[in-house]
Amino acid sequence: MTSHSPTPAWFDVSSPDAPRARRFYQEMFGWPVTVLDETYALVGTPDGPPAGGIGQSGPGSPYTGFVVYFRVDDVDAALSRAEKLGGARTLEPQTLPGMGRMAVFTDPDGNPIGLLSP
């Protein structure tokens, strides 16, 4: 649970063809994309922080498609709450340098949802 109402904090598009996905979203919405490597690119304006990313999915990927990440105070506690409510974890909590902790679960309908905490 958070002390505030969770709002979208990040998004990821995970695609079996990341270059195609980058081109599609760049052309569809005019998104500025900064390619980090062949597997991941950041989406956002050059003068501000990135808003999301577009990455390569593969056989071991926890999801394919569009995932919105919500900011919470504690990823582990929020993930535990999601499981108690009928969700299922698909990406174990992990620490990302400079971004905090993240995890992904599916809701009871199978929709992937991301969690981010400081």
PDB file of N, CA and C in Angstrom:
ATOM      1  N   MET A   1       0.847  -1.167   0.000  1.00  0.00           N
ATOM      2  CA  MET A   1       0.000   0.000   0.000  1.00  0.00           C
ATOM      3  C   MET A   1       0.899   1.239   0.000  1.00  0.00           C
ATOM      4  N   THR A   2       0.433   2.307  -0.561  1.00  0.00           N
ATOM      5  CA  THR A   2       1.218   3.526  -0.613  1.00  0.00           C
ATOM      6  C   THR A   2       0.518   4.619   0.173  1.00  0.00           C
ATOM      7  N   SER A   3       1.275   5.640   0.511  1.00  0.00           N
ATOM      8  CA  SER A   3       0.710   6.770   1.230  1.00  0.00           C
ATOM      9  C   SER A   3      -0.003   7.713   0.275  1.00  0.00           C
ATOM     10  N   HIS A   4       0.072   7.439  -1.004  1.00  0.00           N
ATOM     11  CA  HIS A   4      -0.602   8.249  -2.024  1.00  0.00           C
ATOM     12  C   HIS A   4      -1.247   7.305  -3.039  1.00  0.00           C
ATOM     13  N   SER A   5      -2.073   7.842  -3.880  1.00  0.00           N
ATOM     14  CA  SER A   5      -2.707   7.026  -4.905  1.00  0.00           C
ATOM     15  C   SER A   5      -1.690   6.727  -6.001  1.00  0.00           C
ATOM     16  N   PRO A   6      -1.393   5.456  -6.245  1.00  0.00           N
ATOM     17  CA  PRO A   6      -0.402   5.120  -7.271  1.00  0.00           C
ATOM     18  C   PRO A   6      -0.829   5.627  -8.657  1.00  0.00           C
ATOM     19  N   THR A   7       0.090   6.245  -9.339  1.00  0.00           N
ATOM     20  CA  THR A   7      -0.140   6.723 -10.689  1.00  0.00           C
ATOM     21  C   THR A   7       0.923   6.115 -11.592  1.00  0.00           C
ATOM     22  N   PRO A   8       0.660   6.072 -12.895  1.00  0.00           N
ATOM     23  CA  PRO A   8       1.670   5.517 -13.792  1.00  0.00           C
ATOM     24  C   PRO A   8       3.004   6.251 -13.656  1.00  0.00           C
ATOM     25  N   ALA A   9       4.084   5.484 -13.551  1.00  0.00           N
ATOM     26  CA  ALA A   9       5.412   6.057 -13.367  1.00  0.00           C
ATOM     27  C   ALA A   9       6.355   5.707 -14.518  1.00  0.00           C
ATOM     28  N   TRP A  10       6.025   4.679 -15.286  1.00  0.00           N
ATOM     29  CA  TRP A  10       6.916   4.201 -16.353  1.00  0.00           C
ATOM     30  C   TRP A  10       6.100   3.273 -17.233  1.00  0.00           C
ATOM     31  N   PHE A  11       6.512   3.113 -18.464  1.00  0.00           N
ATOM     32  CA  PHE A  11       5.905   2.090 -19.311  1.00  0.00           C
ATOM     33  C   PHE A  11       7.005   1.353 -20.053  1.00  0.00           C
ATOM     34  N   ASP A  12       6.707   0.133 -20.402  1.00  0.00           N
ATOM     35  CA  ASP A  12       7.603  -0.682 -21.216  1.00  0.00           C
ATOM     36  C   ASP A  12       6.792  -1.316 -22.336  1.00  0.00           C
ATOM     37  N   VAL A  13       7.362  -1.318 -23.513  1.00  0.00           N
ATOM     38  CA  VAL A  13       6.833  -2.075 -24.629  1.00  0.00           C
ATOM     39  C   VAL A  13       7.851  -3.173 -24.880  1.00  0.00           C
ATOM     40  N   SER A  14       7.434  -4.411 -24.728  1.00  0.00           N
ATOM     41  CA  SER A  14       8.320  -5.554 -24.934  1.00  0.00           C
ATOM     42  C   SER A  14       7.865  -6.266 -26.197  1.00  0.00           C
ATOM     43  N   SER A  15       8.769  -6.364 -27.173  1.00  0.00           N
ATOM     44  CA  SER A  15       8.401  -6.879 -28.489  1.00  0.00           C
ATOM     45  C   SER A  15       9.392  -7.943 -28.974  1.00  0.00           C
ATOM     46  N   PRO A  16       8.906  -8.941 -29.713  1.00  0.00           N
ATOM     47  CA  PRO A  16       9.827  -9.904 -30.304  1.00  0.00           C
ATOM     48  C   PRO A  16      10.676  -9.265 -31.410  1.00  0.00           C
ATOM     49  N   ASP A  17      10.303  -8.061 -31.855  1.00  0.00           N
ATOM     50  CA  ASP A  17      11.063  -7.314 -32.856  1.00  0.00           C
ATOM     51  C   ASP A  17      11.176  -5.867 -32.384  1.00  0.00           C
ATOM     52  N   ALA A  18      12.115  -5.618 -31.461  1.00  0.00           N
ATOM     53  CA  ALA A  18      12.252  -4.293 -30.855  1.00  0.00           C
ATOM     54  C   ALA A  18      12.519  -3.178 -31.874  1.00  0.00           C
ATOM     55  N   PRO A  19      13.381  -3.385 -32.895  1.00  0.00           N
ATOM     56  CA  PRO A  19      13.570  -2.317 -33.881  1.00  0.00           C
ATOM     57  C   PRO A  19      12.272  -1.939 -34.600  1.00  0.00           C
ATOM     58  N   ARG A  20      11.458  -2.938 -34.937  1.00  0.00           N
ATOM     59  CA  ARG A  20      10.168  -2.663 -35.579  1.00  0.00           C
ATOM     60  C   ARG A  20       9.265  -1.866 -34.635  1.00  0.00           C
ATOM     61  N   ALA A  21       9.222  -2.267 -33.362  1.00  0.00           N
ATOM     62  CA  ALA A  21       8.393  -1.558 -32.380  1.00  0.00           C
ATOM     63  C   ALA A  21       8.862  -0.115 -32.208  1.00  0.00           C
ATOM     64  N   ARG A  22      10.182   0.080 -32.152  1.00  0.00           N
ATOM     65  CA  ARG A  22      10.707   1.452 -32.032  1.00  0.00           C
ATOM     66  C   ARG A  22      10.258   2.303 -33.221  1.00  0.00           C
ATOM     67  N   ARG A  23      10.406   1.773 -34.420  1.00  0.00           N
ATOM     68  CA  ARG A  23       9.986   2.513 -35.624  1.00  0.00           C
ATOM     69  C   ARG A  23       8.492   2.826 -35.583  1.00  0.00           C
ATOM     70  N   PHE A  24       7.688   1.832 -35.217  1.00  0.00           N
ATOM     71  CA  PHE A  24       6.242   2.012 -35.174  1.00  0.00           C
ATOM     72  C   PHE A  24       5.868   3.161 -34.238  1.00  0.00           C
ATOM     73  N   TYR A  25       6.361   3.124 -32.998  1.00  0.00           N
ATOM     74  CA  TYR A  25       5.974   4.147 -32.025  1.00  0.00           C
ATOM     75  C   TYR A  25       6.579   5.512 -32.344  1.00  0.00           C
ATOM     76  N   GLN A  26       7.771   5.523 -32.917  1.00  0.00           N
ATOM     77  CA  GLN A  26       8.346   6.798 -33.354  1.00  0.00           C
ATOM     78  C   GLN A  26       7.463   7.428 -34.424  1.00  0.00           C
ATOM     79  N   GLU A  27       7.043   6.630 -35.394  1.00  0.00           N
ATOM     80  CA  GLU A  27       6.223   7.159 -36.479  1.00  0.00           C
ATOM     81  C   GLU A  27       4.787   7.422 -36.044  1.00  0.00           C
ATOM     82  N   MET A  28       4.239   6.587 -35.186  1.00  0.00           N
ATOM     83  CA  MET A  28       2.856   6.742 -34.736  1.00  0.00           C
ATOM     84  C   MET A  28       2.678   7.977 -33.862  1.00  0.00           C
ATOM     85  N   PHE A  29       3.544   8.148 -32.860  1.00  0.00           N
ATOM     86  CA  PHE A  29       3.378   9.207 -31.881  1.00  0.00           C
ATOM     87  C   PHE A  29       4.469  10.264 -31.912  1.00  0.00           C
ATOM     88  N   GLY A  30       5.488  10.082 -32.755  1.00  0.00           N
ATOM     89  CA  GLY A  30       6.592  11.030 -32.783  1.00  0.00           C
ATOM     90  C   GLY A  30       7.483  10.933 -31.556  1.00  0.00           C
ATOM     91  N   TRP A  31       7.493   9.765 -30.909  1.00  0.00           N
ATOM     92  CA  TRP A  31       8.291   9.593 -29.699  1.00  0.00           C
ATOM     93  C   TRP A  31       9.772   9.690 -30.000  1.00  0.00           C
ATOM     94  N   PRO A  32      10.498  10.517 -29.253  1.00  0.00           N
ATOM     95  CA  PRO A  32      11.958  10.496 -29.366  1.00  0.00           C
ATOM     96  C   PRO A  32      12.485   9.226 -28.684  1.00  0.00           C
ATOM     97  N   VAL A  33      13.356   8.500 -29.362  1.00  0.00           N
ATOM     98  CA  VAL A  33      13.876   7.233 -28.853  1.00  0.00           C
ATOM     99  C   VAL A  33      15.394   7.287 -28.804  1.00  0.00           C
ATOM    100  N   THR A  34      15.957   6.896 -27.665  1.00  0.00           N
ATOM    101  CA  THR A  34      17.409   6.800 -27.507  1.00  0.00           C
ATOM    102  C   THR A  34      17.766   5.329 -27.347  1.00  0.00           C
ATOM    103  N   VAL A  35      18.414   4.766 -28.350  1.00  0.00           N
ATOM    104  CA  VAL A  35      18.777   3.349 -28.314  1.00  0.00           C
ATOM    105  C   VAL A  35      19.989   3.165 -27.403  1.00  0.00           C
ATOM    106  N   LEU A  36      19.834   2.311 -26.383  1.00  0.00           N
ATOM    107  CA  LEU A  36      20.938   2.023 -25.458  1.00  0.00           C
ATOM    108  C   LEU A  36      21.802   0.886 -25.989  1.00  0.00           C
ATOM    109  N   ASP A  37      21.147  -0.153 -26.514  1.00  0.00           N
ATOM    110  CA  ASP A  37      21.829  -1.289 -27.124  1.00  0.00           C
ATOM    111  C   ASP A  37      20.808  -2.005 -27.990  1.00  0.00           C
ATOM    112  N   GLU A  38      21.170  -3.152 -28.534  1.00  0.00           N
ATOM    113  CA  GLU A  38      20.256  -3.841 -29.450  1.00  0.00           C
ATOM    114  C   GLU A  38      19.008  -4.374 -28.767  1.00  0.00           C
ATOM    115  N   THR A  39      18.984  -4.376 -27.420  1.00  0.00           N
ATOM    116  CA  THR A  39      17.838  -4.948 -26.714  1.00  0.00           C
ATOM    117  C   THR A  39      16.930  -3.928 -26.045  1.00  0.00           C
ATOM    118  N   TYR A  40      17.367  -2.659 -25.901  1.00  0.00           N
ATOM    119  CA  TYR A  40      16.541  -1.708 -25.145  1.00  0.00           C
ATOM    120  C   TYR A  40      16.785  -0.278 -25.585  1.00  0.00           C
ATOM    121  N   ALA A  41      15.703   0.496 -25.601  1.00  0.00           N
ATOM    122  CA  ALA A  41      15.775   1.916 -25.933  1.00  0.00           C
ATOM    123  C   ALA A  41      14.884   2.689 -24.971  1.00  0.00           C
ATOM    124  N   LEU A  42      15.299   3.908 -24.649  1.00  0.00           N
ATOM    125  CA  LEU A  42      14.511   4.786 -23.791  1.00  0.00           C
ATOM    126  C   LEU A  42      13.640   5.687 -24.645  1.00  0.00           C
ATOM    127  N   VAL A  43      12.453   5.993 -24.132  1.00  0.00           N
ATOM    128  CA  VAL A  43      11.522   6.883 -24.811  1.00  0.00           C
ATOM    129  C   VAL A  43      11.372   8.135 -23.968  1.00  0.00           C
ATOM    130  N   GLY A  44      11.576   9.293 -24.578  1.00  0.00           N
ATOM    131  CA  GLY A  44      11.416  10.552 -23.866  1.00  0.00           C
ATOM    132  C   GLY A  44      12.155  11.658 -24.567  1.00  0.00           C
ATOM    133  N   THR A  45      11.897  12.863 -24.130  1.00  0.00           N
ATOM    134  CA  THR A  45      12.537  14.009 -24.750  1.00  0.00           C
ATOM    135  C   THR A  45      13.987  14.101 -24.319  1.00  0.00           C
ATOM    136  N   PRO A  46      14.854  14.625 -25.187  1.00  0.00           N
ATOM    137  CA  PRO A  46      16.275  14.725 -24.843  1.00  0.00           C
ATOM    138  C   PRO A  46      16.547  15.626 -23.639  1.00  0.00           C
ATOM    139  N   ASP A  47      15.660  16.587 -23.366  1.00  0.00           N
ATOM    140  CA  ASP A  47      15.897  17.529 -22.273  1.00  0.00           C
ATOM    141  C   ASP A  47      15.202  17.141 -20.968  1.00  0.00           C
ATOM    142  N   GLY A  48      14.603  15.967 -20.911  1.00  0.00           N
ATOM    143  CA  GLY A  48      13.934  15.535 -19.688  1.00  0.00           C
ATOM    144  C   GLY A  48      14.183  14.070 -19.417  1.00  0.00           C
ATOM    145  N   PRO A  49      13.685  13.590 -18.270  1.00  0.00           N
ATOM    146  CA  PRO A  49      13.875  12.171 -17.961  1.00  0.00           C
ATOM    147  C   PRO A  49      13.033  11.302 -18.885  1.00  0.00           C
ATOM    148  N   PRO A  50      13.478  10.073 -19.156  1.00  0.00           N
ATOM    149  CA  PRO A  50      12.686   9.181 -20.011  1.00  0.00           C
ATOM    150  C   PRO A  50      11.368   8.825 -19.332  1.00  0.00           C
ATOM    151  N   ALA A  51      10.352   8.543 -20.140  1.00  0.00           N
ATOM    152  CA  ALA A  51       9.031   8.176 -19.638  1.00  0.00           C
ATOM    153  C   ALA A  51       8.803   6.675 -19.705  1.00  0.00           C
ATOM    154  N   GLY A  52       9.640   5.985 -20.507  1.00  0.00           N
ATOM    155  CA  GLY A  52       9.459   4.560 -20.671  1.00  0.00           C
ATOM    156  C   GLY A  52      10.535   3.963 -21.543  1.00  0.00           C
ATOM    157  N   GLY A  53      10.286   2.744 -21.983  1.00  0.00           N
ATOM    158  CA  GLY A  53      11.273   2.064 -22.804  1.00  0.00           C
ATOM    159  C   GLY A  53      10.635   1.069 -23.751  1.00  0.00           C
ATOM    160  N   ILE A  54      11.408   0.689 -24.756  1.00  0.00           N
ATOM    161  CA  ILE A  54      11.000  -0.329 -25.714  1.00  0.00           C
ATOM    162  C   ILE A  54      12.109  -1.362 -25.749  1.00  0.00           C
ATOM    163  N   GLY A  55      11.745  -2.613 -25.438  1.00  0.00           N
ATOM    164  CA  GLY A  55      12.759  -3.650 -25.331  1.00  0.00           C
ATOM    165  C   GLY A  55      12.445  -4.896 -26.125  1.00  0.00           C
ATOM    166  N   GLN A  56      13.462  -5.712 -26.243  1.00  0.00           N
ATOM    167  CA  GLN A  56      13.389  -6.981 -26.961  1.00  0.00           C
ATOM    168  C   GLN A  56      12.867  -8.064 -26.029  1.00  0.00           C
ATOM    169  N   SER A  57      11.807  -8.765 -26.432  1.00  0.00           N
ATOM    170  CA  SER A  57      11.343  -9.910 -25.650  1.00  0.00           C
ATOM    171  C   SER A  57      11.913 -11.187 -26.270  1.00  0.00           C
ATOM    172  N   GLY A  58      11.942 -12.216 -25.491  1.00  0.00           N
ATOM    173  CA  GLY A  58      12.458 -13.498 -25.954  1.00  0.00           C
ATOM    174  C   GLY A  58      11.824 -14.617 -25.176  1.00  0.00           C
ATOM    175  N   PRO A  59      12.329 -15.837 -25.326  1.00  0.00           N
ATOM    176  CA  PRO A  59      11.724 -16.989 -24.656  1.00  0.00           C
ATOM    177  C   PRO A  59      11.652 -16.856 -23.132  1.00  0.00           C
ATOM    178  N   GLY A  60      12.610 -16.166 -22.512  1.00  0.00           N
ATOM    179  CA  GLY A  60      12.594 -16.033 -21.060  1.00  0.00           C
ATOM    180  C   GLY A  60      11.949 -14.757 -20.562  1.00  0.00           C
ATOM    181  N   SER A  61      11.356 -13.983 -21.440  1.00  0.00           N
ATOM    182  CA  SER A  61      10.761 -12.698 -21.044  1.00  0.00           C
ATOM    183  C   SER A  61       9.530 -12.915 -20.175  1.00  0.00           C
ATOM    184  N   PRO A  62       9.370 -12.068 -19.130  1.00  0.00           N
ATOM    185  CA  PRO A  62       8.213 -12.226 -18.249  1.00  0.00           C
ATOM    186  C   PRO A  62       6.903 -11.784 -18.908  1.00  0.00           C
ATOM    187  N   TYR A  63       6.982 -11.012 -19.987  1.00  0.00           N
ATOM    188  CA  TYR A  63       5.784 -10.578 -20.689  1.00  0.00           C
ATOM    189  C   TYR A  63       6.163 -10.059 -22.066  1.00  0.00           C
ATOM    190  N   THR A  64       5.185  -9.986 -22.943  1.00  0.00           N
ATOM    191  CA  THR A  64       5.320  -9.330 -24.234  1.00  0.00           C
ATOM    192  C   THR A  64       4.140  -8.382 -24.339  1.00  0.00           C
ATOM    193  N   GLY A  65       4.377  -7.191 -24.826  1.00  0.00           N
ATOM    194  CA  GLY A  65       3.308  -6.216 -24.955  1.00  0.00           C
ATOM    195  C   GLY A  65       3.604  -4.960 -24.179  1.00  0.00           C
ATOM    196  N   PHE A  66       2.564  -4.253 -23.846  1.00  0.00           N
ATOM    197  CA  PHE A  66       2.640  -2.948 -23.200  1.00  0.00           C
ATOM    198  C   PHE A  66       2.363  -3.106 -21.714  1.00  0.00           C
ATOM    199  N   VAL A  67       3.273  -2.645 -20.875  1.00  0.00           N
ATOM    200  CA  VAL A  67       3.099  -2.738 -19.428  1.00  0.00           C
ATOM    201  C   VAL A  67       3.285  -1.358 -18.816  1.00  0.00           C
ATOM    202  N   VAL A  68       2.346  -0.996 -17.942  1.00  0.00           N
ATOM    203  CA  VAL A  68       2.446   0.251 -17.193  1.00  0.00           C
ATOM    204  C   VAL A  68       2.956  -0.098 -15.798  1.00  0.00           C
ATOM    205  N   TYR A  69       3.925   0.692 -15.346  1.00  0.00           N
ATOM    206  CA  TYR A  69       4.478   0.521 -13.997  1.00  0.00           C
ATOM    207  C   TYR A  69       3.901   1.596 -13.090  1.00  0.00           C
ATOM    208  N   PHE A  70       3.486   1.181 -11.895  1.00  0.00           N
ATOM    209  CA  PHE A  70       2.947   2.102 -10.911  1.00  0.00           C
ATOM    210  C   PHE A  70       3.932   2.259  -9.765  1.00  0.00           C
ATOM    211  N   ARG A  71       4.092   3.500  -9.303  1.00  0.00           N
ATOM    212  CA  ARG A  71       4.991   3.774  -8.188  1.00  0.00           C
ATOM    213  C   ARG A  71       4.297   3.393  -6.883  1.00  0.00           C
ATOM    214  N   VAL A  72       5.003   2.619  -6.066  1.00  0.00           N
ATOM    215  CA  VAL A  72       4.540   2.208  -4.743  1.00  0.00           C
ATOM    216  C   VAL A  72       5.662   2.458  -3.746  1.00  0.00           C
ATOM    217  N   ASP A  73       5.331   2.466  -2.470  1.00  0.00           N
ATOM    218  CA  ASP A  73       6.347   2.699  -1.443  1.00  0.00           C
ATOM    219  C   ASP A  73       7.278   1.501  -1.278  1.00  0.00           C
ATOM    220  N   ASP A  74       6.732   0.283  -1.470  1.00  0.00           N
ATOM    221  CA  ASP A  74       7.502  -0.939  -1.219  1.00  0.00           C
ATOM    222  C   ASP A  74       7.073  -2.009  -2.232  1.00  0.00           C
ATOM    223  N   VAL A  75       7.943  -2.316  -3.178  1.00  0.00           N
ATOM    224  CA  VAL A  75       7.631  -3.293  -4.226  1.00  0.00           C
ATOM    225  C   VAL A  75       7.287  -4.651  -3.621  1.00  0.00           C
ATOM    226  N   ASP A  76       8.059  -5.109  -2.654  1.00  0.00           N
ATOM    227  CA  ASP A  76       7.828  -6.435  -2.077  1.00  0.00           C
ATOM    228  C   ASP A  76       6.464  -6.524  -1.402  1.00  0.00           C
ATOM    229  N   ALA A  77       6.099  -5.495  -0.635  1.00  0.00           N
ATOM    230  CA  ALA A  77       4.802  -5.485   0.042  1.00  0.00           C
ATOM    231  C   ALA A  77       3.660  -5.402  -0.974  1.00  0.00           C
ATOM    232  N   ALA A  78       3.821  -4.578  -2.008  1.00  0.00           N
ATOM    233  CA  ALA A  78       2.774  -4.446  -3.020  1.00  0.00           C
ATOM    234  C   ALA A  78       2.611  -5.756  -3.803  1.00  0.00           C
ATOM    235  N   LEU A  79       3.706  -6.419  -4.108  1.00  0.00           N
ATOM    236  CA  LEU A  79       3.650  -7.693  -4.825  1.00  0.00           C
ATOM    237  C   LEU A  79       2.945  -8.753  -3.975  1.00  0.00           C
ATOM    238  N   SER A  80       3.240  -8.779  -2.708  1.00  0.00           N
ATOM    239  CA  SER A  80       2.583  -9.708  -1.790  1.00  0.00           C
ATOM    240  C   SER A  80       1.075  -9.426  -1.737  1.00  0.00           C
ATOM    241  N   ARG A  81       0.710  -8.152  -1.690  1.00  0.00           N
ATOM    242  CA  ARG A  81      -0.707  -7.779  -1.677  1.00  0.00           C
ATOM    243  C   ARG A  81      -1.389  -8.229  -2.973  1.00  0.00           C
ATOM    244  N   ALA A  82      -0.737  -8.035  -4.108  1.00  0.00           N
ATOM    245  CA  ALA A  82      -1.304  -8.450  -5.399  1.00  0.00           C
ATOM    246  C   ALA A  82      -1.572  -9.956  -5.403  1.00  0.00           C
ATOM    247  N   GLU A  83      -0.638 -10.738  -4.858  1.00  0.00           N
ATOM    248  CA  GLU A  83      -0.816 -12.190  -4.813  1.00  0.00           C
ATOM    249  C   GLU A  83      -1.995 -12.577  -3.917  1.00  0.00           C
ATOM    250  N   LYS A  84      -2.146 -11.891  -2.795  1.00  0.00           N
ATOM    251  CA  LYS A  84      -3.269 -12.174  -1.888  1.00  0.00           C
ATOM    252  C   LYS A  84      -4.602 -11.853  -2.547  1.00  0.00           C
ATOM    253  N   LEU A  85      -4.587 -10.909  -3.485  1.00  0.00           N
ATOM    254  CA  LEU A  85      -5.818 -10.502  -4.177  1.00  0.00           C
ATOM    255  C   LEU A  85      -6.075 -11.310  -5.443  1.00  0.00           C
ATOM    256  N   GLY A  86      -5.233 -12.308  -5.732  1.00  0.00           N
ATOM    257  CA  GLY A  86      -5.454 -13.170  -6.888  1.00  0.00           C
ATOM    258  C   GLY A  86      -4.508 -12.945  -8.046  1.00  0.00           C
ATOM    259  N   GLY A  87      -3.531 -12.051  -7.875  1.00  0.00           N
ATOM    260  CA  GLY A  87      -2.525 -11.828  -8.907  1.00  0.00           C
ATOM    261  C   GLY A  87      -1.426 -12.875  -8.820  1.00  0.00           C
ATOM    262  N   ALA A  88      -0.553 -12.891  -9.818  1.00  0.00           N
ATOM    263  CA  ALA A  88       0.563 -13.848  -9.832  1.00  0.00           C
ATOM    264  C   ALA A  88       1.823 -13.131 -10.290  1.00  0.00           C
ATOM    265  N   ARG A  89       2.908 -13.318  -9.549  1.00  0.00           N
ATOM    266  CA  ARG A  89       4.159 -12.653  -9.924  1.00  0.00           C
ATOM    267  C   ARG A  89       4.724 -13.267 -11.193  1.00  0.00           C
ATOM    268  N   THR A  90       5.245 -12.394 -12.082  1.00  0.00           N
ATOM    269  CA  THR A  90       5.863 -12.876 -13.314  1.00  0.00           C
ATOM    270  C   THR A  90       7.310 -12.421 -13.428  1.00  0.00           C
ATOM    271  N   LEU A  91       7.676 -11.382 -12.684  1.00  0.00           N
ATOM    272  CA  LEU A  91       9.065 -10.939 -12.635  1.00  0.00           C
ATOM    273  C   LEU A  91       9.382 -10.634 -11.180  1.00  0.00           C
ATOM    274  N   GLU A  92      10.314 -11.395 -10.624  1.00  0.00           N
ATOM    275  CA  GLU A  92      10.699 -11.236  -9.223  1.00  0.00           C
ATOM    276  C   GLU A  92      11.230  -9.820  -8.979  1.00  0.00           C
ATOM    277  N   PRO A  93      11.068  -9.292  -7.771  1.00  0.00           N
ATOM    278  CA  PRO A  93      11.620  -7.971  -7.468  1.00  0.00           C
ATOM    279  C   PRO A  93      13.116  -7.930  -7.740  1.00  0.00           C
ATOM    280  N   GLN A  94      13.559  -6.836  -8.319  1.00  0.00           N
ATOM    281  CA  GLN A  94      14.972  -6.639  -8.586  1.00  0.00           C
ATOM    282  C   GLN A  94      15.308  -5.166  -8.464  1.00  0.00           C
ATOM    283  N   THR A  95      16.576  -4.906  -8.197  1.00  0.00           N
ATOM    284  CA  THR A  95      17.042  -3.534  -8.041  1.00  0.00           C
ATOM    285  C   THR A  95      17.653  -3.054  -9.352  1.00  0.00           C
ATOM    286  N   LEU A  96      17.235  -1.875  -9.777  1.00  0.00           N
ATOM    287  CA  LEU A  96      17.767  -1.253 -10.990  1.00  0.00           C
ATOM    288  C   LEU A  96      18.609  -0.054 -10.581  1.00  0.00           C
ATOM    289  N   PRO A  97      19.859   0.014 -10.971  1.00  0.00           N
ATOM    290  CA  PRO A  97      20.709   1.142 -10.596  1.00  0.00           C
ATOM    291  C   PRO A  97      20.082   2.477 -11.012  1.00  0.00           C
ATOM    292  N   GLY A  98      19.955   3.361 -10.058  1.00  0.00           N
ATOM    293  CA  GLY A  98      19.429   4.694 -10.320  1.00  0.00           C
ATOM    294  C   GLY A  98      17.918   4.776 -10.440  1.00  0.00           C
ATOM    295  N   MET A  99      17.227   3.631 -10.386  1.00  0.00           N
ATOM    296  CA  MET A  99      15.764   3.660 -10.541  1.00  0.00           C
ATOM    297  C   MET A  99      15.023   3.079  -9.349  1.00  0.00           C
ATOM    298  N   GLY A 100      15.663   2.327  -8.501  1.00  0.00           N
ATOM    299  CA  GLY A 100      14.976   1.705  -7.375  1.00  0.00           C
ATOM    300  C   GLY A 100      14.689   0.244  -7.640  1.00  0.00           C
ATOM    301  N   ARG A 101      13.578  -0.239  -7.065  1.00  0.00           N
ATOM    302  CA  ARG A 101      13.210  -1.650  -7.221  1.00  0.00           C
ATOM    303  C   ARG A 101      12.018  -1.771  -8.150  1.00  0.00           C
ATOM    304  N   MET A 102      11.958  -2.915  -8.842  1.00  0.00           N
ATOM    305  CA  MET A 102      10.839  -3.163  -9.745  1.00  0.00           C
ATOM    306  C   MET A 102      10.431  -4.624  -9.680  1.00  0.00           C
ATOM    307  N   ALA A 103       9.194  -4.881 -10.089  1.00  0.00           N
ATOM    308  CA  ALA A 103       8.662  -6.242 -10.209  1.00  0.00           C
ATOM    309  C   ALA A 103       7.467  -6.163 -11.150  1.00  0.00           C
ATOM    310  N   VAL A 104       7.029  -7.324 -11.640  1.00  0.00           N
ATOM    311  CA  VAL A 104       5.846  -7.391 -12.498  1.00  0.00           C
ATOM    312  C   VAL A 104       4.980  -8.547 -12.013  1.00  0.00           C
ATOM    313  N   PHE A 105       3.664  -8.320 -12.026  1.00  0.00           N
ATOM    314  CA  PHE A 105       2.709  -9.370 -11.716  1.00  0.00           C
ATOM    315  C   PHE A 105       1.594  -9.322 -12.754  1.00  0.00           C
ATOM    316  N   THR A 106       0.785 -10.373 -12.804  1.00  0.00           N
ATOM    317  CA  THR A 106      -0.414 -10.342 -13.626  1.00  0.00           C
ATOM    318  C   THR A 106      -1.618 -10.248 -12.697  1.00  0.00           C
ATOM    319  N   ASP A 107      -2.614  -9.483 -13.141  1.00  0.00           N
ATOM    320  CA  ASP A 107      -3.846  -9.394 -12.367  1.00  0.00           C
ATOM    321  C   ASP A 107      -4.667 -10.664 -12.608  1.00  0.00           C
ATOM    322  N   PRO A 108      -5.822 -10.821 -11.946  1.00  0.00           N
ATOM    323  CA  PRO A 108      -6.595 -12.050 -12.121  1.00  0.00           C
ATOM    324  C   PRO A 108      -7.024 -12.330 -13.572  1.00  0.00           C
ATOM    325  N   ASP A 109      -7.029 -11.310 -14.443  1.00  0.00           N
ATOM    326  CA  ASP A 109      -7.377 -11.510 -15.846  1.00  0.00           C
ATOM    327  C   ASP A 109      -6.167 -11.773 -16.725  1.00  0.00           C
ATOM    328  N   GLY A 110      -4.957 -11.784 -16.131  1.00  0.00           N
ATOM    329  CA  GLY A 110      -3.739 -12.056 -16.888  1.00  0.00           C
ATOM    330  C   GLY A 110      -3.040 -10.827 -17.441  1.00  0.00           C
ATOM    331  N   ASN A 111      -3.514  -9.624 -17.090  1.00  0.00           N
ATOM    332  CA  ASN A 111      -2.874  -8.395 -17.555  1.00  0.00           C
ATOM    333  C   ASN A 111      -1.601  -8.125 -16.770  1.00  0.00           C
ATOM    334  N   PRO A 112      -0.473  -7.904 -17.434  1.00  0.00           N
ATOM    335  CA  PRO A 112       0.755  -7.613 -16.696  1.00  0.00           C
ATOM    336  C   PRO A 112       0.750  -6.176 -16.165  1.00  0.00           C
ATOM    337  N   ILE A 113       1.173  -6.029 -14.908  1.00  0.00           N
ATOM    338  CA  ILE A 113       1.243  -4.740 -14.222  1.00  0.00           C
ATOM    339  C   ILE A 113       2.613  -4.639 -13.576  1.00  0.00           C
ATOM    340  N   GLY A 114       3.280  -3.491 -13.744  1.00  0.00           N
ATOM    341  CA  GLY A 114       4.582  -3.291 -13.142  1.00  0.00           C
ATOM    342  C   GLY A 114       4.511  -2.469 -11.879  1.00  0.00           C
ATOM    343  N   LEU A 115       5.487  -2.675 -11.017  1.00  0.00           N
ATOM    344  CA  LEU A 115       5.626  -1.939  -9.758  1.00  0.00           C
ATOM    345  C   LEU A 115       7.016  -1.331  -9.702  1.00  0.00           C
ATOM    346  N   LEU A 116       7.109  -0.096  -9.226  1.00  0.00           N
ATOM    347  CA  LEU A 116       8.393   0.585  -9.006  1.00  0.00           C
ATOM    348  C   LEU A 116       8.388   1.210  -7.624  1.00  0.00           C
ATOM    349  N   SER A 117       9.498   1.120  -6.927  1.00  0.00           N
ATOM    350  CA  SER A 117       9.636   1.814  -5.637  1.00  0.00           C
ATOM    351  C   SER A 117      11.041   2.378  -5.543  1.00  0.00           C
ATOM    352  N   PRO A 118      11.195   3.363  -4.679  1.00  0.00           N
ATOM    353  CA  PRO A 118      12.536   3.964  -4.511  1.00  0.00           C
ATOM    354  C   PRO A 118      13.547   2.942  -4.010  1.00  0.00           C
TER     355      PRO A 118
END
